[in-house]
Amino acid sequence: MLTERLPLVVEPYRLAANDERVEGLLALSRLERLALDAPPQDGECQVRLDFFIDEQGRRVIDGWLKADLRLACRRCLQPMPVQVENHFLLGIVSGDELAAALPSTHEPVLAENEQLNLLEVIEDELILSLPQVVYHDEADCGLSRDQLSSGAEVESSNASTENPFEVLRHLKGKSDS
């Protein structure tokens, strides 16, 4: 189990030149933008970042993160535990031209003044790895199936369906009578 705190700012070019690994924990409470998509979180995010230079001379971060979050169920809106895990590949760039030259397997990450804010990078990757929609299992959800329905019975489609172009036919004055 990791117990080391993740540094918030690193020198990515130096780390890549030395093939270094940075790993540790990041408190979820520090991630302000995550709080916009999810309720305030307790706990920590486990992070591992391998910095290296690939065969084409690109500085790369091979990253992994894992966090236990509490997200709102879309049915009952009550918080539920969700484990998020993500593997990502980042290309360290200093400008738009280098970002455009990255292969599609790499996402660009901008190093300003030869510094990289890991808090922002990890928060971005964690937000991108959130599931689109989360639901409790029906048995565990605070709402029953009856509470989710509107109460109106669905009419059977035995009635003949009207031609959607019938209105156009009448407008043109060409009725089938």
Protein backbone atom coordinates (compact mmCIF):
# COMPACT_ATOMS: atom_id res chain seq x y z
CA MET A 1 0.00 0.00 0.00
CA LEU A 2 1.28 3.43 -0.91
CA THR A 3 1.72 5.85 1.94
CA GLU A 4 3.79 8.54 0.24
CA ARG A 5 2.20 11.83 -0.79
CA LEU A 6 2.42 12.66 -4.47
CA PRO A 7 4.44 15.80 -5.28
CA LEU A 8 2.22 18.50 -6.74
CA VAL A 9 4.76 19.98 -9.18
CA VAL A 10 7.56 18.09 -10.97
CA GLU A 11 10.19 18.68 -13.63
CA PRO A 12 8.95 16.28 -16.32
CA TYR A 13 11.90 16.62 -18.72
CA ARG A 14 14.40 15.69 -16.02
CA LEU A 15 12.23 12.80 -14.82
CA ALA A 16 11.86 11.47 -18.39
CA ALA A 17 15.60 11.77 -19.06
CA ASN A 18 16.27 9.65 -15.96
CA ASP A 19 13.45 7.10 -16.55
CA GLU A 20 11.95 7.85 -13.16
CA ARG A 21 8.73 6.73 -11.53
CA VAL A 22 6.61 8.95 -9.32
CA GLU A 23 3.96 7.26 -7.24
CA GLY A 24 1.94 8.09 -4.22
CA LEU A 25 -1.40 9.19 -2.90
CA LEU A 26 -3.37 12.33 -3.64
CA ALA A 27 -6.16 13.45 -1.31
CA LEU A 28 -9.45 13.57 -3.22
CA SER A 29 -10.50 16.59 -1.16
CA ARG A 30 -7.86 18.66 -3.01
CA LEU A 31 -9.55 18.11 -6.37
CA GLU A 32 -11.86 21.12 -6.69
CA ARG A 33 -12.99 20.45 -10.28
CA LEU A 34 -13.91 16.88 -9.39
CA ALA A 35 -16.34 18.32 -6.83
CA LEU A 36 -18.24 19.93 -9.73
CA ASP A 37 -19.03 16.49 -11.19
CA ALA A 38 -19.30 14.53 -7.94
CA PRO A 39 -20.10 15.30 -4.32
CA PRO A 40 -17.14 16.18 -2.06
CA GLN A 41 -14.96 13.10 -1.69
CA ASP A 42 -13.05 11.57 1.18
CA GLY A 43 -10.17 9.22 0.67
CA GLU A 44 -7.25 9.23 -1.69
CA CYS A 45 -6.34 8.51 -5.27
CA GLN A 46 -3.50 6.05 -5.87
CA VAL A 47 -1.24 7.26 -8.68
CA ARG A 48 1.73 5.79 -10.55
CA LEU A 49 3.50 7.79 -13.26
CA ASP A 50 6.40 6.40 -15.28
CA PHE A 51 8.39 9.13 -17.07
CA PHE A 52 10.57 8.09 -20.02
CA ILE A 53 11.75 8.95 -23.52
CA ASP A 54 10.29 6.67 -26.20
CA GLU A 55 11.96 5.35 -29.38
CA GLN A 56 10.96 8.48 -31.33
CA GLY A 57 12.52 10.80 -28.74
CA ARG A 58 9.19 11.93 -27.25
CA ARG A 59 8.98 12.53 -23.52
CA VAL A 60 6.14 10.34 -22.29
CA ILE A 61 4.23 9.63 -19.09
CA ASP A 62 2.74 6.16 -18.75
CA GLY A 63 0.21 6.66 -15.97
CA TRP A 64 -2.24 4.74 -13.85
CA LEU A 65 -4.70 5.88 -11.19
CA LYS A 66 -7.26 4.27 -8.94
CA ALA A 67 -9.76 5.84 -6.58
CA ASP A 68 -12.82 4.80 -4.59
CA LEU A 69 -15.42 7.50 -5.12
CA ARG A 70 -18.98 8.12 -4.01
CA LEU A 71 -21.16 9.14 -6.96
CA ALA A 72 -24.89 9.86 -7.11
CA CYS A 73 -27.15 7.09 -8.41
CA ARG A 74 -29.12 8.48 -11.37
CA ARG A 75 -32.33 6.82 -10.14
CA CYS A 76 -32.49 7.67 -6.44
CA LEU A 77 -29.75 10.36 -6.31
CA GLN A 78 -28.23 8.73 -3.24
CA PRO A 79 -24.43 8.33 -3.12
CA MET A 80 -23.05 4.95 -4.03
CA PRO A 81 -19.50 3.57 -4.05
CA VAL A 82 -17.79 3.44 -7.45
CA GLN A 83 -14.21 2.34 -8.05
CA VAL A 84 -12.51 4.26 -10.85
CA GLU A 85 -9.33 2.95 -12.43
CA ASN A 86 -7.62 4.40 -15.48
CA HIS A 87 -4.47 3.78 -17.50
CA PHE A 88 -3.31 6.67 -19.69
CA LEU A 89 -0.44 7.68 -21.94
CA LEU A 90 0.58 11.34 -22.04
CA GLY A 91 3.04 13.11 -24.32
CA ILE A 92 4.86 15.98 -22.62
CA VAL A 93 4.78 19.03 -24.91
CA SER A 94 5.76 22.67 -24.71
CA GLY A 95 3.45 23.98 -27.43
CA ASP A 96 0.63 23.32 -29.88
CA GLU A 97 2.91 22.18 -32.71
CA LEU A 98 4.36 19.36 -30.62
CA ALA A 99 0.88 18.43 -29.38
CA ALA A 100 -0.37 18.11 -32.97
CA ALA A 101 2.56 15.83 -33.82
CA LEU A 102 1.69 13.28 -31.11
CA PRO A 103 0.23 9.95 -32.21
CA SER A 104 -3.43 9.31 -31.43
CA THR A 105 -2.43 6.97 -28.59
CA HIS A 106 -0.97 9.89 -26.61
CA GLU A 107 -2.81 12.78 -25.01
CA PRO A 108 -0.80 16.01 -24.84
CA VAL A 109 0.11 17.50 -21.47
CA LEU A 110 1.58 20.99 -21.42
CA ALA A 111 4.73 21.56 -19.38
CA GLU A 112 5.02 25.28 -18.67
CA ASN A 113 8.44 26.66 -17.73
CA GLU A 114 9.70 23.05 -17.60
CA GLN A 115 7.27 22.39 -14.74
CA LEU A 116 4.24 20.10 -14.66
CA ASN A 117 1.38 20.51 -12.20
CA LEU A 118 0.54 16.91 -11.26
CA LEU A 119 -2.56 17.95 -9.33
CA GLU A 120 -4.15 19.26 -12.54
CA VAL A 121 -2.99 16.30 -14.63
CA ILE A 122 -4.35 13.71 -12.18
CA GLU A 123 -7.59 15.63 -11.72
CA ASP A 124 -8.08 15.78 -15.51
CA GLU A 125 -7.49 12.05 -15.89
CA LEU A 126 -9.76 11.19 -12.96
CA ILE A 127 -12.58 13.34 -14.34
CA LEU A 128 -12.17 11.78 -17.79
CA SER A 129 -12.41 8.30 -16.27
CA LEU A 130 -15.69 8.93 -14.43
CA PRO A 131 -18.52 6.73 -15.69
CA GLN A 132 -21.18 8.56 -17.70
CA VAL A 133 -24.05 7.15 -15.62
CA VAL A 134 -24.12 5.13 -12.41
CA TYR A 135 -27.03 3.17 -10.97
CA HIS A 136 -27.54 1.04 -7.90
CA ASP A 137 -28.63 -2.51 -8.59
CA GLU A 138 -32.45 -2.55 -8.56
CA ALA A 139 -32.46 -4.47 -5.28
CA ASP A 140 -30.18 -1.88 -3.63
CA CYS A 141 -31.75 1.27 -5.07
CA GLY A 142 -33.86 3.55 -2.87
CA LEU A 143 -36.55 3.68 -5.57
CA SER A 144 -38.65 0.76 -6.68
CA ARG A 145 -39.64 0.07 -10.26
CA ASP A 146 -43.19 1.27 -9.48
CA GLN A 147 -41.86 4.62 -8.25
CA LEU A 148 -39.88 5.07 -11.48
CA SER A 149 -42.86 4.64 -13.82
CA SER A 150 -45.19 7.51 -14.62
CA GLY A 151 -48.25 5.38 -13.89
CA ALA A 152 -49.62 5.71 -17.42
CA GLU A 153 -50.03 2.42 -19.21
CA VAL A 154 -48.22 2.14 -22.49
CA GLU A 155 -50.73 1.87 -25.33
CA SER A 156 -50.29 -1.02 -27.66
CA SER A 157 -49.32 -0.12 -31.18
CA ASN A 158 -52.28 -1.99 -32.70
CA ALA A 159 -53.76 1.29 -33.92
CA SER A 160 -52.96 1.98 -37.51
CA THR A 161 -50.09 4.38 -37.81
CA GLU A 162 -50.60 7.46 -39.88
CA ASN A 163 -48.31 8.16 -42.77
CA PRO A 164 -45.97 10.98 -41.68
CA PHE A 165 -46.14 12.44 -45.17
CA GLU A 166 -49.97 12.67 -45.15
CA VAL A 167 -49.79 16.34 -44.10
CA LEU A 168 -47.56 17.13 -47.06
CA ARG A 169 -49.93 15.36 -49.41
CA HIS A 170 -52.82 17.51 -48.16
CA LEU A 171 -50.75 20.68 -48.48
CA LYS A 172 -50.00 19.90 -52.09
CA GLY A 173 -53.72 19.26 -52.72
CA LYS A 174 -53.22 15.63 -53.68
CA SER A 175 -55.39 13.65 -51.32
CA ASP A 176 -55.98 9.95 -51.98
CA SER A 177 -59.80 10.27 -51.91
